Amino acid sequence: MSGSYSKSFSNTSTGGVASFNDNSEYNALVQYQVRKLYVNGGYARLEQGFSGSGTPPEVLSSFYIGVSRWFKVF
């Protein structure tokens, strides 16, 4: 099981237009092994906003789950 979080802020000014930029990201991962079977899943979320654009922050999220099995070829 693992997880991470990051957040950043910045200010920019170009041509007299100032923008306050905000970014945050969450990641989580879970892996579990049962004999030769591996089960993993995760979640990721990204939120990013720019005040100079005049739009609300965008949020992107994704979730995944997978199953795999290892075996000997020879």
PDB file of N, CA and C in Angstrom:
ATOM      1  N   MET A   1       0.852  -1.156   0.000  1.00  0.00           N
ATOM      2  CA  MET A   1       0.000   0.000   0.000  1.00  0.00           C
ATOM      3  C   MET A   1       0.905   1.228   0.000  1.00  0.00           C
ATOM      4  N   SER A   2       0.613   2.174  -0.851  1.00  0.00           N
ATOM      5  CA  SER A   2       1.382   3.413  -0.886  1.00  0.00           C
ATOM      6  C   SER A   2       0.485   4.564  -1.318  1.00  0.00           C
ATOM      7  N   GLY A   3       0.931   5.757  -1.011  1.00  0.00           N
ATOM      8  CA  GLY A   3       0.180   6.943  -1.386  1.00  0.00           C
ATOM      9  C   GLY A   3       1.090   8.152  -1.430  1.00  0.00           C
ATOM     10  N   SER A   4       0.671   9.153  -2.141  1.00  0.00           N
ATOM     11  CA  SER A   4       1.451  10.386  -2.218  1.00  0.00           C
ATOM     12  C   SER A   4       0.518  11.576  -2.417  1.00  0.00           C
ATOM     13  N   TYR A   5       1.021  12.733  -2.033  1.00  0.00           N
ATOM     14  CA  TYR A   5       0.278  13.977  -2.166  1.00  0.00           C
ATOM     15  C   TYR A   5       1.280  15.082  -2.478  1.00  0.00           C
ATOM     16  N   SER A   6       0.939  15.940  -3.401  1.00  0.00           N
ATOM     17  CA  SER A   6       1.794  17.096  -3.695  1.00  0.00           C
ATOM     18  C   SER A   6       0.920  18.309  -3.978  1.00  0.00           C
ATOM     19  N   LYS A   7       1.445  19.475  -3.642  1.00  0.00           N
ATOM     20  CA  LYS A   7       0.716  20.725  -3.845  1.00  0.00           C
ATOM     21  C   LYS A   7       1.732  21.789  -4.215  1.00  0.00           C
ATOM     22  N   SER A   8       1.358  22.651  -5.157  1.00  0.00           N
ATOM     23  CA  SER A   8       2.258  23.734  -5.552  1.00  0.00           C
ATOM     24  C   SER A   8       1.451  24.996  -5.857  1.00  0.00           C
ATOM     25  N   PHE A   9       2.087  26.124  -5.637  1.00  0.00           N
ATOM     26  CA  PHE A   9       1.519  27.444  -5.914  1.00  0.00           C
ATOM     27  C   PHE A   9       2.544  28.243  -6.704  1.00  0.00           C
ATOM     28  N   SER A  10       2.074  29.098  -7.591  1.00  0.00           N
ATOM     29  CA  SER A  10       2.975  30.011  -8.292  1.00  0.00           C
ATOM     30  C   SER A  10       2.197  31.243  -8.754  1.00  0.00           C
ATOM     31  N   ASN A  11       2.909  32.307  -8.959  1.00  0.00           N
ATOM     32  CA  ASN A  11       2.341  33.551  -9.484  1.00  0.00           C
ATOM     33  C   ASN A  11       3.109  33.939 -10.731  1.00  0.00           C
ATOM     34  N   THR A  12       2.396  34.360 -11.752  1.00  0.00           N
ATOM     35  CA  THR A  12       3.042  34.815 -12.977  1.00  0.00           C
ATOM     36  C   THR A  12       2.433  36.147 -13.412  1.00  0.00           C
ATOM     37  N   SER A  13       3.188  36.880 -14.165  1.00  0.00           N
ATOM     38  CA  SER A  13       2.694  38.144 -14.705  1.00  0.00           C
ATOM     39  C   SER A  13       3.284  38.333 -16.101  1.00  0.00           C
ATOM     40  N   THR A  14       2.415  38.451 -17.078  1.00  0.00           N
ATOM     41  CA  THR A  14       2.850  38.636 -18.465  1.00  0.00           C
ATOM     42  C   THR A  14       1.987  39.712 -19.103  1.00  0.00           C
ATOM     43  N   GLY A  15       2.616  40.715 -19.616  1.00  0.00           N
ATOM     44  CA  GLY A  15       1.883  41.777 -20.305  1.00  0.00           C
ATOM     45  C   GLY A  15       0.886  42.486 -19.407  1.00  0.00           C
ATOM     46  N   GLY A  16       1.182  42.613 -18.129  1.00  0.00           N
ATOM     47  CA  GLY A  16       0.287  43.288 -17.206  1.00  0.00           C
ATOM     48  C   GLY A  16      -0.851  42.427 -16.681  1.00  0.00           C
ATOM     49  N   VAL A  17      -0.920  41.168 -17.096  1.00  0.00           N
ATOM     50  CA  VAL A  17      -1.960  40.256 -16.624  1.00  0.00           C
ATOM     51  C   VAL A  17      -1.317  39.295 -15.625  1.00  0.00           C
ATOM     52  N   ALA A  18      -1.793  39.326 -14.385  1.00  0.00           N
ATOM     53  CA  ALA A  18      -1.256  38.448 -13.348  1.00  0.00           C
ATOM     54  C   ALA A  18      -2.139  37.204 -13.217  1.00  0.00           C
ATOM     55  N   SER A  19      -1.510  36.096 -12.862  1.00  0.00           N
ATOM     56  CA  SER A  19      -2.238  34.847 -12.683  1.00  0.00           C
ATOM     57  C   SER A  19      -1.698  34.122 -11.459  1.00  0.00           C
ATOM     58  N   PHE A  20      -2.606  33.646 -10.610  1.00  0.00           N
ATOM     59  CA  PHE A  20      -2.257  32.814  -9.465  1.00  0.00           C
ATOM     60  C   PHE A  20      -2.549  31.376  -9.851  1.00  0.00           C
ATOM     61  N   ASN A  21      -1.555  30.517  -9.801  1.00  0.00           N
ATOM     62  CA  ASN A  21      -1.684  29.140 -10.266  1.00  0.00           C
ATOM     63  C   ASN A  21      -1.624  28.179  -9.083  1.00  0.00           C
ATOM     64  N   ASP A  22      -2.498  27.189  -9.084  1.00  0.00           N
ATOM     65  CA  ASP A  22      -2.616  26.225  -7.986  1.00  0.00           C
ATOM     66  C   ASP A  22      -2.684  24.820  -8.575  1.00  0.00           C
ATOM     67  N   ASN A  23      -1.966  23.895  -7.970  1.00  0.00           N
ATOM     68  CA  ASN A  23      -1.927  22.530  -8.457  1.00  0.00           C
ATOM     69  C   ASN A  23      -1.876  21.585  -7.258  1.00  0.00           C
ATOM     70  N   SER A  24      -2.730  20.557  -7.233  1.00  0.00           N
ATOM     71  CA  SER A  24      -2.647  19.532  -6.196  1.00  0.00           C
ATOM     72  C   SER A  24      -2.887  18.164  -6.832  1.00  0.00           C
ATOM     73  N   GLU A  25      -2.206  17.161  -6.292  1.00  0.00           N
ATOM     74  CA  GLU A  25      -2.278  15.822  -6.861  1.00  0.00           C
ATOM     75  C   GLU A  25      -2.260  14.776  -5.747  1.00  0.00           C
ATOM     76  N   TYR A  26      -3.132  13.764  -5.880  1.00  0.00           N
ATOM     77  CA  TYR A  26      -3.211  12.649  -4.947  1.00  0.00           C
ATOM     78  C   TYR A  26      -3.012  11.358  -5.737  1.00  0.00           C
ATOM     79  N   ASN A  27      -2.266  10.428  -5.182  1.00  0.00           N
ATOM     80  CA  ASN A  27      -2.088   9.113  -5.788  1.00  0.00           C
ATOM     81  C   ASN A  27      -2.152   8.051  -4.702  1.00  0.00           C
ATOM     82  N   ALA A  28      -2.802   6.937  -4.976  1.00  0.00           N
ATOM     83  CA  ALA A  28      -2.874   5.816  -4.041  1.00  0.00           C
ATOM     84  C   ALA A  28      -2.741   4.519  -4.827  1.00  0.00           C
ATOM     85  N   LEU A  29      -2.032   3.559  -4.254  1.00  0.00           N
ATOM     86  CA  LEU A  29      -1.802   2.263  -4.903  1.00  0.00           C
ATOM     87  C   LEU A  29      -1.907   1.165  -3.858  1.00  0.00           C
ATOM     88  N   VAL A  30      -2.623   0.097  -4.196  1.00  0.00           N
ATOM     89  CA  VAL A  30      -2.747  -1.066  -3.324  1.00  0.00           C
ATOM     90  C   VAL A  30      -2.396  -2.297  -4.146  1.00  0.00           C
ATOM     91  N   GLN A  31      -1.505  -3.124  -3.620  1.00  0.00           N
ATOM     92  CA  GLN A  31      -1.152  -4.391  -4.265  1.00  0.00           C
ATOM     93  C   GLN A  31      -1.314  -5.514  -3.251  1.00  0.00           C
ATOM     94  N   TYR A  32      -1.825  -6.651  -3.717  1.00  0.00           N
ATOM     95  CA  TYR A  32      -2.040  -7.788  -2.840  1.00  0.00           C
ATOM     96  C   TYR A  32      -1.709  -9.058  -3.607  1.00  0.00           C
ATOM     97  N   GLN A  33      -1.005  -9.978  -2.949  1.00  0.00           N
ATOM     98  CA  GLN A  33      -0.616 -11.221  -3.600  1.00  0.00           C
ATOM     99  C   GLN A  33      -1.256 -12.399  -2.882  1.00  0.00           C
ATOM    100  N   VAL A  34      -1.880 -13.279  -3.666  1.00  0.00           N
ATOM    101  CA  VAL A  34      -2.444 -14.529  -3.161  1.00  0.00           C
ATOM    102  C   VAL A  34      -1.853 -15.643  -4.004  1.00  0.00           C
ATOM    103  N   ARG A  35      -0.930 -16.387  -3.427  1.00  0.00           N
ATOM    104  CA  ARG A  35      -0.181 -17.427  -4.142  1.00  0.00           C
ATOM    105  C   ARG A  35       0.462 -16.841  -5.395  1.00  0.00           C
ATOM    106  N   LYS A  36       0.064 -17.272  -6.589  1.00  0.00           N
ATOM    107  CA  LYS A  36       0.654 -16.744  -7.827  1.00  0.00           C
ATOM    108  C   LYS A  36      -0.192 -15.630  -8.448  1.00  0.00           C
ATOM    109  N   LEU A  37      -1.214 -15.189  -7.765  1.00  0.00           N
ATOM    110  CA  LEU A  37      -2.132 -14.188  -8.297  1.00  0.00           C
ATOM    111  C   LEU A  37      -1.874 -12.833  -7.643  1.00  0.00           C
ATOM    112  N   TYR A  38      -1.731 -11.814  -8.462  1.00  0.00           N
ATOM    113  CA  TYR A  38      -1.531 -10.455  -7.980  1.00  0.00           C
ATOM    114  C   TYR A  38      -2.760  -9.610  -8.295  1.00  0.00           C
ATOM    115  N   VAL A  39      -3.240  -8.884  -7.312  1.00  0.00           N
ATOM    116  CA  VAL A  39      -4.360  -7.969  -7.504  1.00  0.00           C
ATOM    117  C   VAL A  39      -3.856  -6.580  -7.147  1.00  0.00           C
ATOM    118  N   ASN A  40      -4.058  -5.617  -8.035  1.00  0.00           N
ATOM    119  CA  ASN A  40      -3.636  -4.248  -7.732  1.00  0.00           C
ATOM    120  C   ASN A  40      -4.723  -3.273  -8.161  1.00  0.00           C
ATOM    121  N   GLY A  41      -4.716  -2.141  -7.495  1.00  0.00           N
ATOM    122  CA  GLY A  41      -5.688  -1.105  -7.799  1.00  0.00           C
ATOM    123  C   GLY A  41      -5.135   0.238  -7.378  1.00  0.00           C
ATOM    124  N   GLY A  42      -5.674   1.270  -7.955  1.00  0.00           N
ATOM    125  CA  GLY A  42      -5.175   2.587  -7.623  1.00  0.00           C
ATOM    126  C   GLY A  42      -6.163   3.684  -7.954  1.00  0.00           C
ATOM    127  N   TYR A  43      -5.825   4.857  -7.442  1.00  0.00           N
ATOM    128  CA  TYR A  43      -6.648   6.040  -7.646  1.00  0.00           C
ATOM    129  C   TYR A  43      -5.719   7.233  -7.832  1.00  0.00           C
ATOM    130  N   ALA A  44      -6.034   8.083  -8.771  1.00  0.00           N
ATOM    131  CA  ALA A  44      -5.259   9.303  -9.004  1.00  0.00           C
ATOM    132  C   ALA A  44      -6.222  10.470  -9.198  1.00  0.00           C
ATOM    133  N   ARG A  45      -5.860  11.624  -8.624  1.00  0.00           N
ATOM    134  CA  ARG A  45      -6.695  12.828  -8.744  1.00  0.00           C
ATOM    135  C   ARG A  45      -5.779  14.024  -8.947  1.00  0.00           C
ATOM    136  N   LEU A  46      -6.083  14.837  -9.944  1.00  0.00           N
ATOM    137  CA  LEU A  46      -5.323  16.036 -10.254  1.00  0.00           C
ATOM    138  C   LEU A  46      -6.272  17.222 -10.294  1.00  0.00           C
ATOM    139  N   GLU A  47      -5.946  18.269  -9.559  1.00  0.00           N
ATOM    140  CA  GLU A  47      -6.719  19.511  -9.578  1.00  0.00           C
ATOM    141  C   GLU A  47      -5.771  20.634  -9.946  1.00  0.00           C
ATOM    142  N   GLN A  48      -6.131  21.399 -10.976  1.00  0.00           N
ATOM    143  CA  GLN A  48      -5.254  22.439 -11.482  1.00  0.00           C
ATOM    144  C   GLN A  48      -6.081  23.659 -11.869  1.00  0.00           C
ATOM    145  N   GLY A  49      -5.657  24.825 -11.392  1.00  0.00           N
ATOM    146  CA  GLY A  49      -6.393  26.045 -11.684  1.00  0.00           C
ATOM    147  C   GLY A  49      -5.475  27.214 -11.969  1.00  0.00           C
ATOM    148  N   PHE A  50      -5.931  28.117 -12.818  1.00  0.00           N
ATOM    149  CA  PHE A  50      -5.218  29.333 -13.195  1.00  0.00           C
ATOM    150  C   PHE A  50      -6.192  30.496 -13.071  1.00  0.00           C
ATOM    151  N   SER A  51      -5.902  31.429 -12.182  1.00  0.00           N
ATOM    152  CA  SER A  51      -6.845  32.532 -11.970  1.00  0.00           C
ATOM    153  C   SER A  51      -6.920  33.453 -13.184  1.00  0.00           C
ATOM    154  N   GLY A  52      -5.862  33.542 -13.974  1.00  0.00           N
ATOM    155  CA  GLY A  52      -5.849  34.408 -15.152  1.00  0.00           C
ATOM    156  C   GLY A  52      -6.807  33.947 -16.235  1.00  0.00           C
ATOM    157  N   SER A  53      -7.204  32.669 -16.228  1.00  0.00           N
ATOM    158  CA  SER A  53      -8.105  32.153 -17.267  1.00  0.00           C
ATOM    159  C   SER A  53      -9.561  32.481 -16.975  1.00  0.00           C
ATOM    160  N   GLY A  54      -9.900  32.777 -15.715  1.00  0.00           N
ATOM    161  CA  GLY A  54     -11.281  33.110 -15.366  1.00  0.00           C
ATOM    162  C   GLY A  54     -12.203  31.916 -15.265  1.00  0.00           C
ATOM    163  N   THR A  55     -11.671  30.710 -15.312  1.00  0.00           N
ATOM    164  CA  THR A  55     -12.488  29.499 -15.197  1.00  0.00           C
ATOM    165  C   THR A  55     -12.195  28.815 -13.866  1.00  0.00           C
ATOM    166  N   PRO A  56     -13.130  28.011 -13.359  1.00  0.00           N
ATOM    167  CA  PRO A  56     -12.867  27.285 -12.113  1.00  0.00           C
ATOM    168  C   PRO A  56     -11.793  26.212 -12.323  1.00  0.00           C
ATOM    169  N   PRO A  57     -11.178  25.750 -11.250  1.00  0.00           N
ATOM    170  CA  PRO A  57     -10.155  24.701 -11.389  1.00  0.00           C
ATOM    171  C   PRO A  57     -10.720  23.434 -12.023  1.00  0.00           C
ATOM    172  N   GLU A  58      -9.901  22.792 -12.817  1.00  0.00           N
ATOM    173  CA  GLU A  58     -10.274  21.519 -13.437  1.00  0.00           C
ATOM    174  C   GLU A  58      -9.843  20.382 -12.522  1.00  0.00           C
ATOM    175  N   VAL A  59     -10.664  19.344 -12.468  1.00  0.00           N
ATOM    176  CA  VAL A  59     -10.363  18.170 -11.661  1.00  0.00           C
ATOM    177  C   VAL A  59     -10.440  16.940 -12.555  1.00  0.00           C
ATOM    178  N   LEU A  60      -9.369  16.155 -12.572  1.00  0.00           N
ATOM    179  CA  LEU A  60      -9.329  14.906 -13.323  1.00  0.00           C
ATOM    180  C   LEU A  60      -9.096  13.772 -12.334  1.00  0.00           C
ATOM    181  N   SER A  61      -9.884  12.719 -12.424  1.00  0.00           N
ATOM    182  CA  SER A  61      -9.748  11.567 -11.536  1.00  0.00           C
ATOM    183  C   SER A  61      -9.738  10.289 -12.356  1.00  0.00           C
ATOM    184  N   SER A  62      -8.995   9.297 -11.878  1.00  0.00           N
ATOM    185  CA  SER A  62      -9.019   7.992 -12.531  1.00  0.00           C
ATOM    186  C   SER A  62      -8.860   6.901 -11.480  1.00  0.00           C
ATOM    187  N   PHE A  63      -9.457   5.762 -11.755  1.00  0.00           N
ATOM    188  CA  PHE A  63      -9.408   4.600 -10.881  1.00  0.00           C
ATOM    189  C   PHE A  63      -9.104   3.395 -11.753  1.00  0.00           C
ATOM    190  N   TYR A  64      -8.277   2.500 -11.255  1.00  0.00           N
ATOM    191  CA  TYR A  64      -7.986   1.301 -12.035  1.00  0.00           C
ATOM    192  C   TYR A  64      -7.848   0.101 -11.104  1.00  0.00           C
ATOM    193  N   ILE A  65      -8.076  -1.074 -11.674  1.00  0.00           N
ATOM    194  CA  ILE A  65      -7.904  -2.329 -10.960  1.00  0.00           C
ATOM    195  C   ILE A  65      -7.387  -3.357 -11.962  1.00  0.00           C
ATOM    196  N   GLY A  66      -6.521  -4.222 -11.506  1.00  0.00           N
ATOM    197  CA  GLY A  66      -5.942  -5.217 -12.405  1.00  0.00           C
ATOM    198  C   GLY A  66      -5.663  -6.520 -11.682  1.00  0.00           C
ATOM    199  N   VAL A  67      -5.609  -7.593 -12.441  1.00  0.00           N
ATOM    200  CA  VAL A  67      -5.285  -8.918 -11.928  1.00  0.00           C
ATOM    201  C   VAL A  67      -4.244  -9.515 -12.855  1.00  0.00           C
ATOM    202  N   SER A  68      -3.202 -10.098 -12.286  1.00  0.00           N
ATOM    203  CA  SER A  68      -2.179 -10.747 -13.103  1.00  0.00           C
ATOM    204  C   SER A  68      -1.704 -12.022 -12.412  1.00  0.00           C
ATOM    205  N   ARG A  69      -1.106 -12.898 -13.181  1.00  0.00           N
ATOM    206  CA  ARG A  69      -0.584 -14.154 -12.666  1.00  0.00           C
ATOM    207  C   ARG A  69       0.737 -14.435 -13.347  1.00  0.00           C
ATOM    208  N   TRP A  70       1.720 -14.867 -12.578  1.00  0.00           N
ATOM    209  CA  TRP A  70       2.997 -15.201 -13.170  1.00  0.00           C
ATOM    210  C   TRP A  70       3.070 -16.721 -13.370  1.00  0.00           C
ATOM    211  N   PHE A  71       3.887 -17.129 -14.327  1.00  0.00           N
ATOM    212  CA  PHE A  71       4.079 -18.550 -14.606  1.00  0.00           C
ATOM    213  C   PHE A  71       5.440 -18.746 -15.265  1.00  0.00           C
ATOM    214  N   LYS A  72       5.958 -19.952 -15.169  1.00  0.00           N
ATOM    215  CA  LYS A  72       7.244 -20.295 -15.775  1.00  0.00           C
ATOM    216  C   LYS A  72       6.993 -20.726 -17.222  1.00  0.00           C
ATOM    217  N   VAL A  73       7.799 -20.155 -18.127  1.00  0.00           N
ATOM    218  CA  VAL A  73       7.656 -20.497 -19.548  1.00  0.00           C
ATOM    219  C   VAL A  73       8.317 -21.832 -19.839  1.00  0.00           C
ATOM    220  N   PHE A  74       9.489 -22.060 -19.267  1.00  0.00           N
ATOM    221  CA  PHE A  74      10.227 -23.311 -19.520  1.00  0.00           C
ATOM    222  C   PHE A  74      10.369 -24.118 -18.259  1.00  0.00           C
TER     223      PHE A  74
END
